[in-house]
All heavy atoms as atom14 arrays in JSON, in Angstrom:
{
  "sequence": "IGAGVRLHRQDSPIRFGSKAAWIIGEASVPKLVLYTLDADLLLTRVEI",
  "atom14_mask": [
    [1, 1, 1, 1, 1, 1, 1, 1, 0, 0, 0, 0, 0, 0],
    [1, 1, 1, 1, 0, 0, 0, 0, 0, 0, 0, 0, 0, 0],
    [1, 1, 1, 1, 1, 0, 0, 0, 0, 0, 0, 0, 0, 0],
    [1, 1, 1, 1, 0, 0, 0, 0, 0, 0, 0, 0, 0, 0],
    [1, 1, 1, 1, 1, 1, 1, 0, 0, 0, 0, 0, 0, 0],
    [1, 1, 1, 1, 1, 1, 1, 1, 1, 1, 1, 0, 0, 0],
    [1, 1, 1, 1, 1, 1, 1, 1, 0, 0, 0, 0, 0, 0],
    [1, 1, 1, 1, 1, 1, 1, 1, 1, 1, 0, 0, 0, 0],
    [1, 1, 1, 1, 1, 1, 1, 1, 1, 1, 1, 0, 0, 0],
    [1, 1, 1, 1, 1, 1, 1, 1, 1, 0, 0, 0, 0, 0],
    [1, 1, 1, 1, 1, 1, 1, 1, 0, 0, 0, 0, 0, 0],
    [1, 1, 1, 1, 1, 1, 0, 0, 0, 0, 0, 0, 0, 0],
    [1, 1, 1, 1, 1, 1, 1, 0, 0, 0, 0, 0, 0, 0],
    [1, 1, 1, 1, 1, 1, 1, 1, 0, 0, 0, 0, 0, 0],
    [1, 1, 1, 1, 1, 1, 1, 1, 1, 1, 1, 0, 0, 0],
    [1, 1, 1, 1, 1, 1, 1, 1, 1, 1, 1, 0, 0, 0],
    [1, 1, 1, 1, 0, 0, 0, 0, 0, 0, 0, 0, 0, 0],
    [1, 1, 1, 1, 1, 1, 0, 0, 0, 0, 0, 0, 0, 0],
    [1, 1, 1, 1, 1, 1, 1, 1, 1, 0, 0, 0, 0, 0],
    [1, 1, 1, 1, 1, 0, 0, 0, 0, 0, 0, 0, 0, 0],
    [1, 1, 1, 1, 1, 0, 0, 0, 0, 0, 0, 0, 0, 0],
    [1, 1, 1, 1, 1, 1, 1, 1, 1, 1, 1, 1, 1, 1],
    [1, 1, 1, 1, 1, 1, 1, 1, 0, 0, 0, 0, 0, 0],
    [1, 1, 1, 1, 1, 1, 1, 1, 0, 0, 0, 0, 0, 0],
    [1, 1, 1, 1, 0, 0, 0, 0, 0, 0, 0, 0, 0, 0],
    [1, 1, 1, 1, 1, 1, 1, 1, 1, 0, 0, 0, 0, 0],
    [1, 1, 1, 1, 1, 0, 0, 0, 0, 0, 0, 0, 0, 0],
    [1, 1, 1, 1, 1, 1, 0, 0, 0, 0, 0, 0, 0, 0],
    [1, 1, 1, 1, 1, 1, 1, 0, 0, 0, 0, 0, 0, 0],
    [1, 1, 1, 1, 1, 1, 1, 0, 0, 0, 0, 0, 0, 0],
    [1, 1, 1, 1, 1, 1, 1, 1, 1, 0, 0, 0, 0, 0],
    [1, 1, 1, 1, 1, 1, 1, 1, 0, 0, 0, 0, 0, 0],
    [1, 1, 1, 1, 1, 1, 1, 0, 0, 0, 0, 0, 0, 0],
    [1, 1, 1, 1, 1, 1, 1, 1, 0, 0, 0, 0, 0, 0],
    [1, 1, 1, 1, 1, 1, 1, 1, 1, 1, 1, 1, 0, 0],
    [1, 1, 1, 1, 1, 1, 1, 0, 0, 0, 0, 0, 0, 0],
    [1, 1, 1, 1, 1, 1, 1, 1, 0, 0, 0, 0, 0, 0],
    [1, 1, 1, 1, 1, 1, 1, 1, 0, 0, 0, 0, 0, 0],
    [1, 1, 1, 1, 1, 0, 0, 0, 0, 0, 0, 0, 0, 0],
    [1, 1, 1, 1, 1, 1, 1, 1, 0, 0, 0, 0, 0, 0],
    [1, 1, 1, 1, 1, 1, 1, 1, 0, 0, 0, 0, 0, 0],
    [1, 1, 1, 1, 1, 1, 1, 1, 0, 0, 0, 0, 0, 0],
    [1, 1, 1, 1, 1, 1, 1, 1, 0, 0, 0, 0, 0, 0],
    [1, 1, 1, 1, 1, 1, 1, 0, 0, 0, 0, 0, 0, 0],
    [1, 1, 1, 1, 1, 1, 1, 1, 1, 1, 1, 0, 0, 0],
    [1, 1, 1, 1, 1, 1, 1, 0, 0, 0, 0, 0, 0, 0],
    [1, 1, 1, 1, 1, 1, 1, 1, 1, 0, 0, 0, 0, 0],
    [1, 1, 1, 1, 1, 1, 1, 1, 0, 0, 0, 0, 0, 0]
  ],
  "atom14_positions": [
    [[99.56, 100.82, 125.82], [99.08, 99.6, 126.54], [100.25, 98.87, 127.24], [100.1, 97.79, 127.74], [98.34, 98.66, 125.57], [99.2, 98.19, 124.42], [97.05, 99.31, 125.11], [98.59, 97.08, 123.6], [0.0, 0.0, 0.0], [0.0, 0.0, 0.0], [0.0, 0.0, 0.0], [0.0, 0.0, 0.0], [0.0, 0.0, 0.0], [0.0, 0.0, 0.0]],
    [[101.43, 99.47, 127.23], [102.54, 98.98, 128.01], [103.85, 98.91, 127.27], [103.88, 98.67, 126.08], [0.0, 0.0, 0.0], [0.0, 0.0, 0.0], [0.0, 0.0, 0.0], [0.0, 0.0, 0.0], [0.0, 0.0, 0.0], [0.0, 0.0, 0.0], [0.0, 0.0, 0.0], [0.0, 0.0, 0.0], [0.0, 0.0, 0.0], [0.0, 0.0, 0.0]],
    [[104.9, 99.16, 128.04], [106.27, 99.12, 127.48], [106.75, 97.73, 127.37], [107.64, 97.42, 126.59], [107.21, 99.93, 128.35], [0.0, 0.0, 0.0], [0.0, 0.0, 0.0], [0.0, 0.0, 0.0], [0.0, 0.0, 0.0], [0.0, 0.0, 0.0], [0.0, 0.0, 0.0], [0.0, 0.0, 0.0], [0.0, 0.0, 0.0], [0.0, 0.0, 0.0]],
    [[106.08, 96.73, 128.12], [106.55, 95.35, 128.0], [105.7, 94.51, 127.06], [105.97, 93.33, 126.86], [0.0, 0.0, 0.0], [0.0, 0.0, 0.0], [0.0, 0.0, 0.0], [0.0, 0.0, 0.0], [0.0, 0.0, 0.0], [0.0, 0.0, 0.0], [0.0, 0.0, 0.0], [0.0, 0.0, 0.0], [0.0, 0.0, 0.0], [0.0, 0.0, 0.0]],
    [[104.73, 95.14, 126.4], [103.87, 94.42, 125.45], [104.45, 94.58, 124.05], [104.65, 95.7, 123.63], [102.45, 94.99, 125.52], [101.54, 94.25, 124.52], [101.85, 94.86, 126.91], [0.0, 0.0, 0.0], [0.0, 0.0, 0.0], [0.0, 0.0, 0.0], [0.0, 0.0, 0.0], [0.0, 0.0, 0.0], [0.0, 0.0, 0.0], [0.0, 0.0, 0.0]],
    [[104.72, 93.53, 123.39], [105.3, 93.54, 122.09], [104.42, 92.96, 120.99], [103.61, 92.07, 121.32], [106.66, 92.81, 122.04], [107.71, 93.33, 122.98], [108.12, 94.76, 122.67], [108.53, 94.99, 121.33], [109.76, 94.92, 120.86], [110.75, 94.62, 121.65], [110.03, 95.16, 119.61], [0.0, 0.0, 0.0], [0.0, 0.0, 0.0], [0.0, 0.0, 0.0]],
    [[104.57, 93.4, 119.8], [103.85, 92.84, 118.62], [104.99, 92.31, 117.73], [105.94, 93.03, 117.46], [103.12, 93.95, 117.89], [102.03, 94.69, 118.65], [101.54, 95.86, 117.88], [100.88, 93.7, 118.95], [0.0, 0.0, 0.0], [0.0, 0.0, 0.0], [0.0, 0.0, 0.0], [0.0, 0.0, 0.0], [0.0, 0.0, 0.0], [0.0, 0.0, 0.0]],
    [[104.83, 91.11, 117.27], [105.85, 90.54, 116.43], [105.36, 90.49, 114.99], [104.19, 90.23, 114.71], [106.24, 89.18, 116.91], [106.91, 89.19, 118.25], [108.2, 89.52, 118.42], [106.4, 89.05, 119.51], [108.52, 89.5, 119.7], [107.43, 89.2, 120.38], [0.0, 0.0, 0.0], [0.0, 0.0, 0.0], [0.0, 0.0, 0.0], [0.0, 0.0, 0.0]],
    [[106.22, 90.75, 114.03], [105.84, 90.87, 112.62], [105.18, 89.66, 112.09], [104.26, 89.77, 111.28], [107.08, 91.19, 111.79], [107.54, 92.61, 111.93], [108.76, 92.81, 111.07], [109.85, 92.98, 112.02], [111.05, 93.36, 111.71], [111.37, 93.55, 110.46], [111.99, 93.57, 112.59], [0.0, 0.0, 0.0], [0.0, 0.0, 0.0], [0.0, 0.0, 0.0]],
    [[105.6, 88.48, 112.47], [105.05, 87.26, 111.91], [103.75, 86.86, 112.61], [103.04, 85.94, 112.16], [106.04, 86.1, 112.04], [107.27, 86.27, 111.2], [108.37, 87.1, 111.89], [108.19, 87.53, 113.0], [109.44, 87.34, 111.16], [0.0, 0.0, 0.0], [0.0, 0.0, 0.0], [0.0, 0.0, 0.0], [0.0, 0.0, 0.0], [0.0, 0.0, 0.0]],
    [[103.4, 87.48, 113.72], [102.2, 87.06, 114.49], [101.22, 88.22, 114.58], [101.15, 88.91, 115.59], [102.63, 86.63, 115.9], [103.59, 85.49, 115.83], [103.42, 84.57, 115.0], [104.54, 85.42, 116.67], [0.0, 0.0, 0.0], [0.0, 0.0, 0.0], [0.0, 0.0, 0.0], [0.0, 0.0, 0.0], [0.0, 0.0, 0.0], [0.0, 0.0, 0.0]],
    [[100.45, 88.4, 113.54], [99.44, 89.5, 113.53], [98.3, 89.21, 114.5], [97.89, 88.04, 114.64], [98.85, 89.65, 112.15], [99.86, 90.04, 111.24], [0.0, 0.0, 0.0], [0.0, 0.0, 0.0], [0.0, 0.0, 0.0], [0.0, 0.0, 0.0], [0.0, 0.0, 0.0], [0.0, 0.0, 0.0], [0.0, 0.0, 0.0], [0.0, 0.0, 0.0]],
    [[97.77, 90.21, 115.18], [96.63, 90.0, 116.04], [95.44, 89.48, 115.23], [95.27, 89.77, 114.06], [96.33, 91.36, 116.6], [97.63, 92.14, 116.48], [98.26, 91.58, 115.26], [0.0, 0.0, 0.0], [0.0, 0.0, 0.0], [0.0, 0.0, 0.0], [0.0, 0.0, 0.0], [0.0, 0.0, 0.0], [0.0, 0.0, 0.0], [0.0, 0.0, 0.0]],
    [[94.57, 88.68, 115.91], [93.41, 88.08, 115.27], [92.2, 88.52, 116.14], [92.36, 88.94, 117.27], [93.44, 86.6, 115.17], [93.59, 85.92, 116.56], [94.56, 86.15, 114.25], [93.34, 84.47, 116.59], [0.0, 0.0, 0.0], [0.0, 0.0, 0.0], [0.0, 0.0, 0.0], [0.0, 0.0, 0.0], [0.0, 0.0, 0.0], [0.0, 0.0, 0.0]],
    [[91.0, 88.45, 115.56], [89.8, 88.66, 116.33], [89.52, 87.44, 117.17], [89.52, 86.28, 116.67], [88.6, 88.99, 115.4], [87.42, 89.42, 116.28], [86.3, 89.94, 115.44], [85.75, 88.96, 114.53], [84.97, 89.18, 113.55], [84.6, 90.41, 113.26], [84.51, 88.22, 112.79], [0.0, 0.0, 0.0], [0.0, 0.0, 0.0], [0.0, 0.0, 0.0]],
    [[89.29, 87.63, 118.43], [88.95, 86.56, 119.41], [87.71, 86.99, 120.08], [87.78, 87.74, 121.09], [90.15, 86.4, 120.32], [90.09, 85.28, 121.31], [90.09, 83.97, 120.85], [90.02, 85.51, 122.65], [90.02, 82.9, 121.77], [89.91, 84.46, 123.56], [89.95, 83.19, 123.11], [0.0, 0.0, 0.0], [0.0, 0.0, 0.0], [0.0, 0.0, 0.0]],
    [[86.54, 86.55, 119.61], [85.3, 87.05, 120.11], [85.16, 88.52, 119.74], [85.23, 88.89, 118.6], [0.0, 0.0, 0.0], [0.0, 0.0, 0.0], [0.0, 0.0, 0.0], [0.0, 0.0, 0.0], [0.0, 0.0, 0.0], [0.0, 0.0, 0.0], [0.0, 0.0, 0.0], [0.0, 0.0, 0.0], [0.0, 0.0, 0.0], [0.0, 0.0, 0.0]],
    [[85.06, 89.37, 120.77], [84.94, 90.84, 120.47], [86.24, 91.51, 120.91], [86.23, 92.72, 121.2], [83.81, 91.42, 121.29], [84.02, 91.16, 122.68], [0.0, 0.0, 0.0], [0.0, 0.0, 0.0], [0.0, 0.0, 0.0], [0.0, 0.0, 0.0], [0.0, 0.0, 0.0], [0.0, 0.0, 0.0], [0.0, 0.0, 0.0], [0.0, 0.0, 0.0]],
    [[87.37, 90.81, 120.84], [88.64, 91.35, 121.26], [89.71, 91.03, 120.2], [89.54, 90.19, 119.33], [89.16, 90.72, 122.59], [88.21, 90.94, 123.75], [88.72, 90.2, 124.96], [87.78, 90.43, 126.15], [88.33, 89.75, 127.33], [0.0, 0.0, 0.0], [0.0, 0.0, 0.0], [0.0, 0.0, 0.0], [0.0, 0.0, 0.0], [0.0, 0.0, 0.0]],
    [[90.82, 91.79, 120.28], [92.03, 91.5, 119.51], [92.83, 90.54, 120.39], [92.87, 90.69, 121.63], [92.8, 92.74, 119.2], [0.0, 0.0, 0.0], [0.0, 0.0, 0.0], [0.0, 0.0, 0.0], [0.0, 0.0, 0.0], [0.0, 0.0, 0.0], [0.0, 0.0, 0.0], [0.0, 0.0, 0.0], [0.0, 0.0, 0.0], [0.0, 0.0, 0.0]],
    [[93.53, 89.58, 119.77], [94.34, 88.6, 120.51], [95.61, 88.33, 119.77], [95.63, 88.29, 118.53], [93.54, 87.36, 120.79], [0.0, 0.0, 0.0], [0.0, 0.0, 0.0], [0.0, 0.0, 0.0], [0.0, 0.0, 0.0], [0.0, 0.0, 0.0], [0.0, 0.0, 0.0], [0.0, 0.0, 0.0], [0.0, 0.0, 0.0], [0.0, 0.0, 0.0]],
    [[96.71, 88.1, 120.52], [97.93, 87.64, 119.92], [98.73, 86.88, 121.01], [98.54, 87.04, 122.18], [98.74, 88.77, 119.31], [99.27, 89.83, 120.24], [100.51, 89.94, 120.76], [98.54, 90.92, 120.81], [100.63, 91.03, 121.54], [99.44, 91.67, 121.59], [97.21, 91.38, 120.66], [99.03, 92.81, 122.28], [96.86, 92.52, 121.34], [97.73, 93.23, 122.16]],
    [[99.6, 86.01, 120.53], [100.41, 85.18, 121.43], [101.87, 85.46, 121.1], [102.26, 85.53, 119.97], [100.13, 83.68, 121.21], [98.65, 83.36, 121.61], [101.08, 82.82, 122.05], [98.23, 81.94, 121.35], [0.0, 0.0, 0.0], [0.0, 0.0, 0.0], [0.0, 0.0, 0.0], [0.0, 0.0, 0.0], [0.0, 0.0, 0.0], [0.0, 0.0, 0.0]],
    [[102.64, 85.61, 122.2], [104.12, 85.66, 122.05], [104.77, 84.61, 122.91], [104.18, 84.08, 123.82], [104.64, 87.07, 122.52], [104.39, 87.34, 123.97], [103.97, 88.17, 121.66], [105.21, 88.44, 124.51], [0.0, 0.0, 0.0], [0.0, 0.0, 0.0], [0.0, 0.0, 0.0], [0.0, 0.0, 0.0], [0.0, 0.0, 0.0], [0.0, 0.0, 0.0]],
    [[106.01, 84.32, 122.6], [106.79, 83.4, 123.34], [107.8, 84.2, 124.23], [108.29, 85.23, 123.79], [0.0, 0.0, 0.0], [0.0, 0.0, 0.0], [0.0, 0.0, 0.0], [0.0, 0.0, 0.0], [0.0, 0.0, 0.0], [0.0, 0.0, 0.0], [0.0, 0.0, 0.0], [0.0, 0.0, 0.0], [0.0, 0.0, 0.0], [0.0, 0.0, 0.0]],
    [[108.04, 83.74, 125.43], [109.07, 84.3, 126.3], [110.1, 83.25, 126.6], [109.76, 82.18, 127.12], [108.46, 84.88, 127.56], [107.57, 86.11, 127.35], [107.14, 86.76, 128.61], [107.45, 86.31, 129.7], [106.48, 87.85, 128.44], [0.0, 0.0, 0.0], [0.0, 0.0, 0.0], [0.0, 0.0, 0.0], [0.0, 0.0, 0.0], [0.0, 0.0, 0.0]],
    [[111.34, 83.58, 126.27], [112.4, 82.62, 126.42], [113.01, 82.57, 127.79], [113.55, 81.55, 128.24], [113.51, 82.9, 125.41], [0.0, 0.0, 0.0], [0.0, 0.0, 0.0], [0.0, 0.0, 0.0], [0.0, 0.0, 0.0], [0.0, 0.0, 0.0], [0.0, 0.0, 0.0], [0.0, 0.0, 0.0], [0.0, 0.0, 0.0], [0.0, 0.0, 0.0]],
    [[112.92, 83.68, 128.59], [113.55, 83.74, 129.91], [113.03, 82.63, 130.81], [113.82, 81.98, 131.52], [113.35, 85.13, 130.55], [111.99, 85.37, 130.66], [0.0, 0.0, 0.0], [0.0, 0.0, 0.0], [0.0, 0.0, 0.0], [0.0, 0.0, 0.0], [0.0, 0.0, 0.0], [0.0, 0.0, 0.0], [0.0, 0.0, 0.0], [0.0, 0.0, 0.0]],
    [[111.74, 82.43, 130.85], [111.1, 81.25, 131.48], [110.21, 80.76, 130.38], [109.22, 81.39, 129.98], [110.22, 81.73, 132.68], [109.5, 80.54, 133.28], [111.05, 82.45, 133.71], [0.0, 0.0, 0.0], [0.0, 0.0, 0.0], [0.0, 0.0, 0.0], [0.0, 0.0, 0.0], [0.0, 0.0, 0.0], [0.0, 0.0, 0.0], [0.0, 0.0, 0.0]],
    [[110.56, 79.57, 129.79], [109.83, 79.11, 128.63], [108.3, 79.12, 128.84], [107.79, 78.39, 129.68], [110.41, 77.76, 128.4], [111.76, 77.77, 129.01], [111.61, 78.66, 130.2], [0.0, 0.0, 0.0], [0.0, 0.0, 0.0], [0.0, 0.0, 0.0], [0.0, 0.0, 0.0], [0.0, 0.0, 0.0], [0.0, 0.0, 0.0], [0.0, 0.0, 0.0]],
    [[107.64, 79.92, 128.1], [106.18, 80.02, 128.2], [105.63, 80.78, 126.98], [106.37, 81.47, 126.3], [105.74, 80.7, 129.51], [106.17, 82.08, 129.61], [105.83, 82.73, 130.97], [106.59, 84.0, 131.17], [106.57, 84.45, 132.51], [0.0, 0.0, 0.0], [0.0, 0.0, 0.0], [0.0, 0.0, 0.0], [0.0, 0.0, 0.0], [0.0, 0.0, 0.0]],
    [[104.33, 80.62, 126.78], [103.64, 81.46, 125.82], [102.78, 82.46, 126.62], [102.35, 82.16, 127.72], [102.71, 80.61, 124.94], [103.47, 79.59, 124.04], [102.4, 78.75, 123.34], [104.32, 80.31, 123.02], [0.0, 0.0, 0.0], [0.0, 0.0, 0.0], [0.0, 0.0, 0.0], [0.0, 0.0, 0.0], [0.0, 0.0, 0.0], [0.0, 0.0, 0.0]],
    [[102.54, 83.6, 126.05], [101.72, 84.6, 126.67], [100.6, 85.01, 125.69], [100.93, 85.42, 124.57], [102.54, 85.87, 127.09], [101.63, 86.93, 127.7], [103.63, 85.46, 128.06], [0.0, 0.0, 0.0], [0.0, 0.0, 0.0], [0.0, 0.0, 0.0], [0.0, 0.0, 0.0], [0.0, 0.0, 0.0], [0.0, 0.0, 0.0], [0.0, 0.0, 0.0]],
    [[99.38, 84.88, 126.12], [98.23, 85.32, 125.33], [97.81, 86.72, 125.8], [97.6, 86.91, 127.01], [97.08, 84.35, 125.51], [95.75, 84.81, 124.99], [95.72, 84.9, 123.47], [94.57, 83.89, 125.46], [0.0, 0.0, 0.0], [0.0, 0.0, 0.0], [0.0, 0.0, 0.0], [0.0, 0.0, 0.0], [0.0, 0.0, 0.0], [0.0, 0.0, 0.0]],
    [[97.77, 87.63, 124.87], [97.29, 88.97, 125.16], [95.93, 89.15, 124.48], [95.76, 88.74, 123.31], [98.19, 90.06, 124.62], [99.49, 90.22, 125.38], [100.69, 89.77, 124.87], [99.51, 90.88, 126.64], [101.9, 89.91, 125.59], [100.72, 91.05, 127.33], [101.89, 90.57, 126.83], [103.04, 90.73, 127.5], [0.0, 0.0, 0.0], [0.0, 0.0, 0.0]],
    [[94.99, 89.75, 125.18], [93.72, 90.17, 124.54], [93.51, 91.64, 124.88], [93.92, 92.14, 125.92], [92.55, 89.34, 125.06], [92.33, 89.53, 126.45], [92.69, 87.84, 124.7], [0.0, 0.0, 0.0], [0.0, 0.0, 0.0], [0.0, 0.0, 0.0], [0.0, 0.0, 0.0], [0.0, 0.0, 0.0], [0.0, 0.0, 0.0], [0.0, 0.0, 0.0]],
    [[92.88, 92.33, 123.93], [92.6, 93.76, 124.07], [91.21, 94.01, 123.59], [90.86, 93.68, 122.49], [93.6, 94.52, 123.19], [93.59, 96.07, 123.29], [94.05, 96.52, 124.75], [94.48, 96.68, 122.27], [0.0, 0.0, 0.0], [0.0, 0.0, 0.0], [0.0, 0.0, 0.0], [0.0, 0.0, 0.0], [0.0, 0.0, 0.0], [0.0, 0.0, 0.0]],
    [[90.43, 94.57, 124.49], [89.02, 94.86, 124.15], [88.82, 96.27, 123.58], [89.79, 97.01, 123.5], [88.09, 94.56, 125.3], [88.19, 95.5, 126.47], [88.8, 96.6, 126.33], [87.72, 95.18, 127.57], [0.0, 0.0, 0.0], [0.0, 0.0, 0.0], [0.0, 0.0, 0.0], [0.0, 0.0, 0.0], [0.0, 0.0, 0.0], [0.0, 0.0, 0.0]],
    [[87.59, 96.57, 123.21], [87.28, 97.86, 122.6], [87.43, 99.05, 123.55], [87.45, 100.21, 123.12], [85.88, 97.86, 122.03], [0.0, 0.0, 0.0], [0.0, 0.0, 0.0], [0.0, 0.0, 0.0], [0.0, 0.0, 0.0], [0.0, 0.0, 0.0], [0.0, 0.0, 0.0], [0.0, 0.0, 0.0], [0.0, 0.0, 0.0], [0.0, 0.0, 0.0]],
    [[87.54, 98.79, 124.88], [87.85, 99.83, 125.83], [89.36, 99.95, 126.08], [89.78, 100.68, 126.94], [87.15, 99.56, 127.18], [85.63, 99.74, 127.07], [85.2, 100.67, 126.33], [84.89, 98.96, 127.69], [0.0, 0.0, 0.0], [0.0, 0.0, 0.0], [0.0, 0.0, 0.0], [0.0, 0.0, 0.0], [0.0, 0.0, 0.0], [0.0, 0.0, 0.0]],
    [[90.12, 99.21, 125.28], [91.58, 99.14, 125.34], [92.06, 98.58, 126.69], [93.11, 98.97, 127.18], [92.21, 100.51, 125.06], [91.85, 101.07, 123.65], [92.56, 102.41, 123.43], [92.19, 100.1, 122.55], [0.0, 0.0, 0.0], [0.0, 0.0, 0.0], [0.0, 0.0, 0.0], [0.0, 0.0, 0.0], [0.0, 0.0, 0.0], [0.0, 0.0, 0.0]],
    [[91.29, 97.69, 127.25], [91.67, 96.94, 128.44], [92.47, 95.72, 127.99], [91.97, 94.86, 127.28], [90.43, 96.5, 129.25], [90.69, 95.64, 130.49], [91.5, 96.46, 131.51], [89.36, 95.17, 131.09], [0.0, 0.0, 0.0], [0.0, 0.0, 0.0], [0.0, 0.0, 0.0], [0.0, 0.0, 0.0], [0.0, 0.0, 0.0], [0.0, 0.0, 0.0]],
    [[93.72, 95.65, 128.47], [94.62, 94.54, 128.07], [94.58, 93.48, 129.18], [94.63, 93.77, 130.35], [96.06, 95.12, 127.95], [97.14, 94.13, 127.56], [96.97, 93.76, 126.12], [98.51, 94.7, 127.8], [0.0, 0.0, 0.0], [0.0, 0.0, 0.0], [0.0, 0.0, 0.0], [0.0, 0.0, 0.0], [0.0, 0.0, 0.0], [0.0, 0.0, 0.0]],
    [[94.51, 92.22, 128.68], [94.58, 91.08, 129.59], [95.74, 90.23, 129.13], [95.97, 89.99, 127.97], [93.22, 90.27, 129.51], [92.17, 91.12, 129.86], [93.31, 89.09, 130.48], [0.0, 0.0, 0.0], [0.0, 0.0, 0.0], [0.0, 0.0, 0.0], [0.0, 0.0, 0.0], [0.0, 0.0, 0.0], [0.0, 0.0, 0.0], [0.0, 0.0, 0.0]],
    [[96.5, 89.73, 130.12], [97.67, 88.87, 129.88], [97.44, 87.55, 130.56], [97.17, 87.52, 131.74], [98.92, 89.54, 130.41], [100.16, 88.73, 130.34], [101.32, 89.41, 131.1], [102.4, 88.49, 131.33], [103.54, 88.49, 130.67], [103.74, 89.34, 129.72], [104.46, 87.61, 130.97], [0.0, 0.0, 0.0], [0.0, 0.0, 0.0], [0.0, 0.0, 0.0]],
    [[97.58, 86.45, 129.82], [97.43, 85.09, 130.35], [98.68, 84.3, 130.0], [99.02, 84.14, 128.81], [96.19, 84.37, 129.8], [96.06, 82.99, 130.37], [94.92, 85.2, 130.12], [0.0, 0.0, 0.0], [0.0, 0.0, 0.0], [0.0, 0.0, 0.0], [0.0, 0.0, 0.0], [0.0, 0.0, 0.0], [0.0, 0.0, 0.0], [0.0, 0.0, 0.0]],
    [[99.36, 83.77, 131.01], [100.56, 82.97, 130.75], [100.19, 81.54, 130.55], [99.36, 80.97, 131.28], [101.56, 83.07, 131.93], [102.15, 84.47, 132.08], [103.2, 84.54, 133.14], [103.55, 83.53, 133.75], [103.65, 85.68, 133.4], [0.0, 0.0, 0.0], [0.0, 0.0, 0.0], [0.0, 0.0, 0.0], [0.0, 0.0, 0.0], [0.0, 0.0, 0.0]],
    [[100.75, 80.93, 129.49], [100.5, 79.49, 129.22], [101.84, 78.78, 129.31], [102.76, 79.01, 128.63], [99.96, 79.37, 127.78], [98.72, 80.25, 127.58], [99.63, 77.94, 127.43], [98.33, 80.46, 126.14], [0.0, 0.0, 0.0], [0.0, 0.0, 0.0], [0.0, 0.0, 0.0], [0.0, 0.0, 0.0], [0.0, 0.0, 0.0], [0.0, 0.0, 0.0]]
  ]
}
């Protein structure tokens, strides 16, 4: 699902409707990134 997508030990994915979801922080440009992954393994990235 990508070389730039990371999973962090302290932040386990949760169920978000019918998808898996997790949030990471990016320090280079301070922001949070919400990832969702559906049952077809379609990844969505939303910057917050």
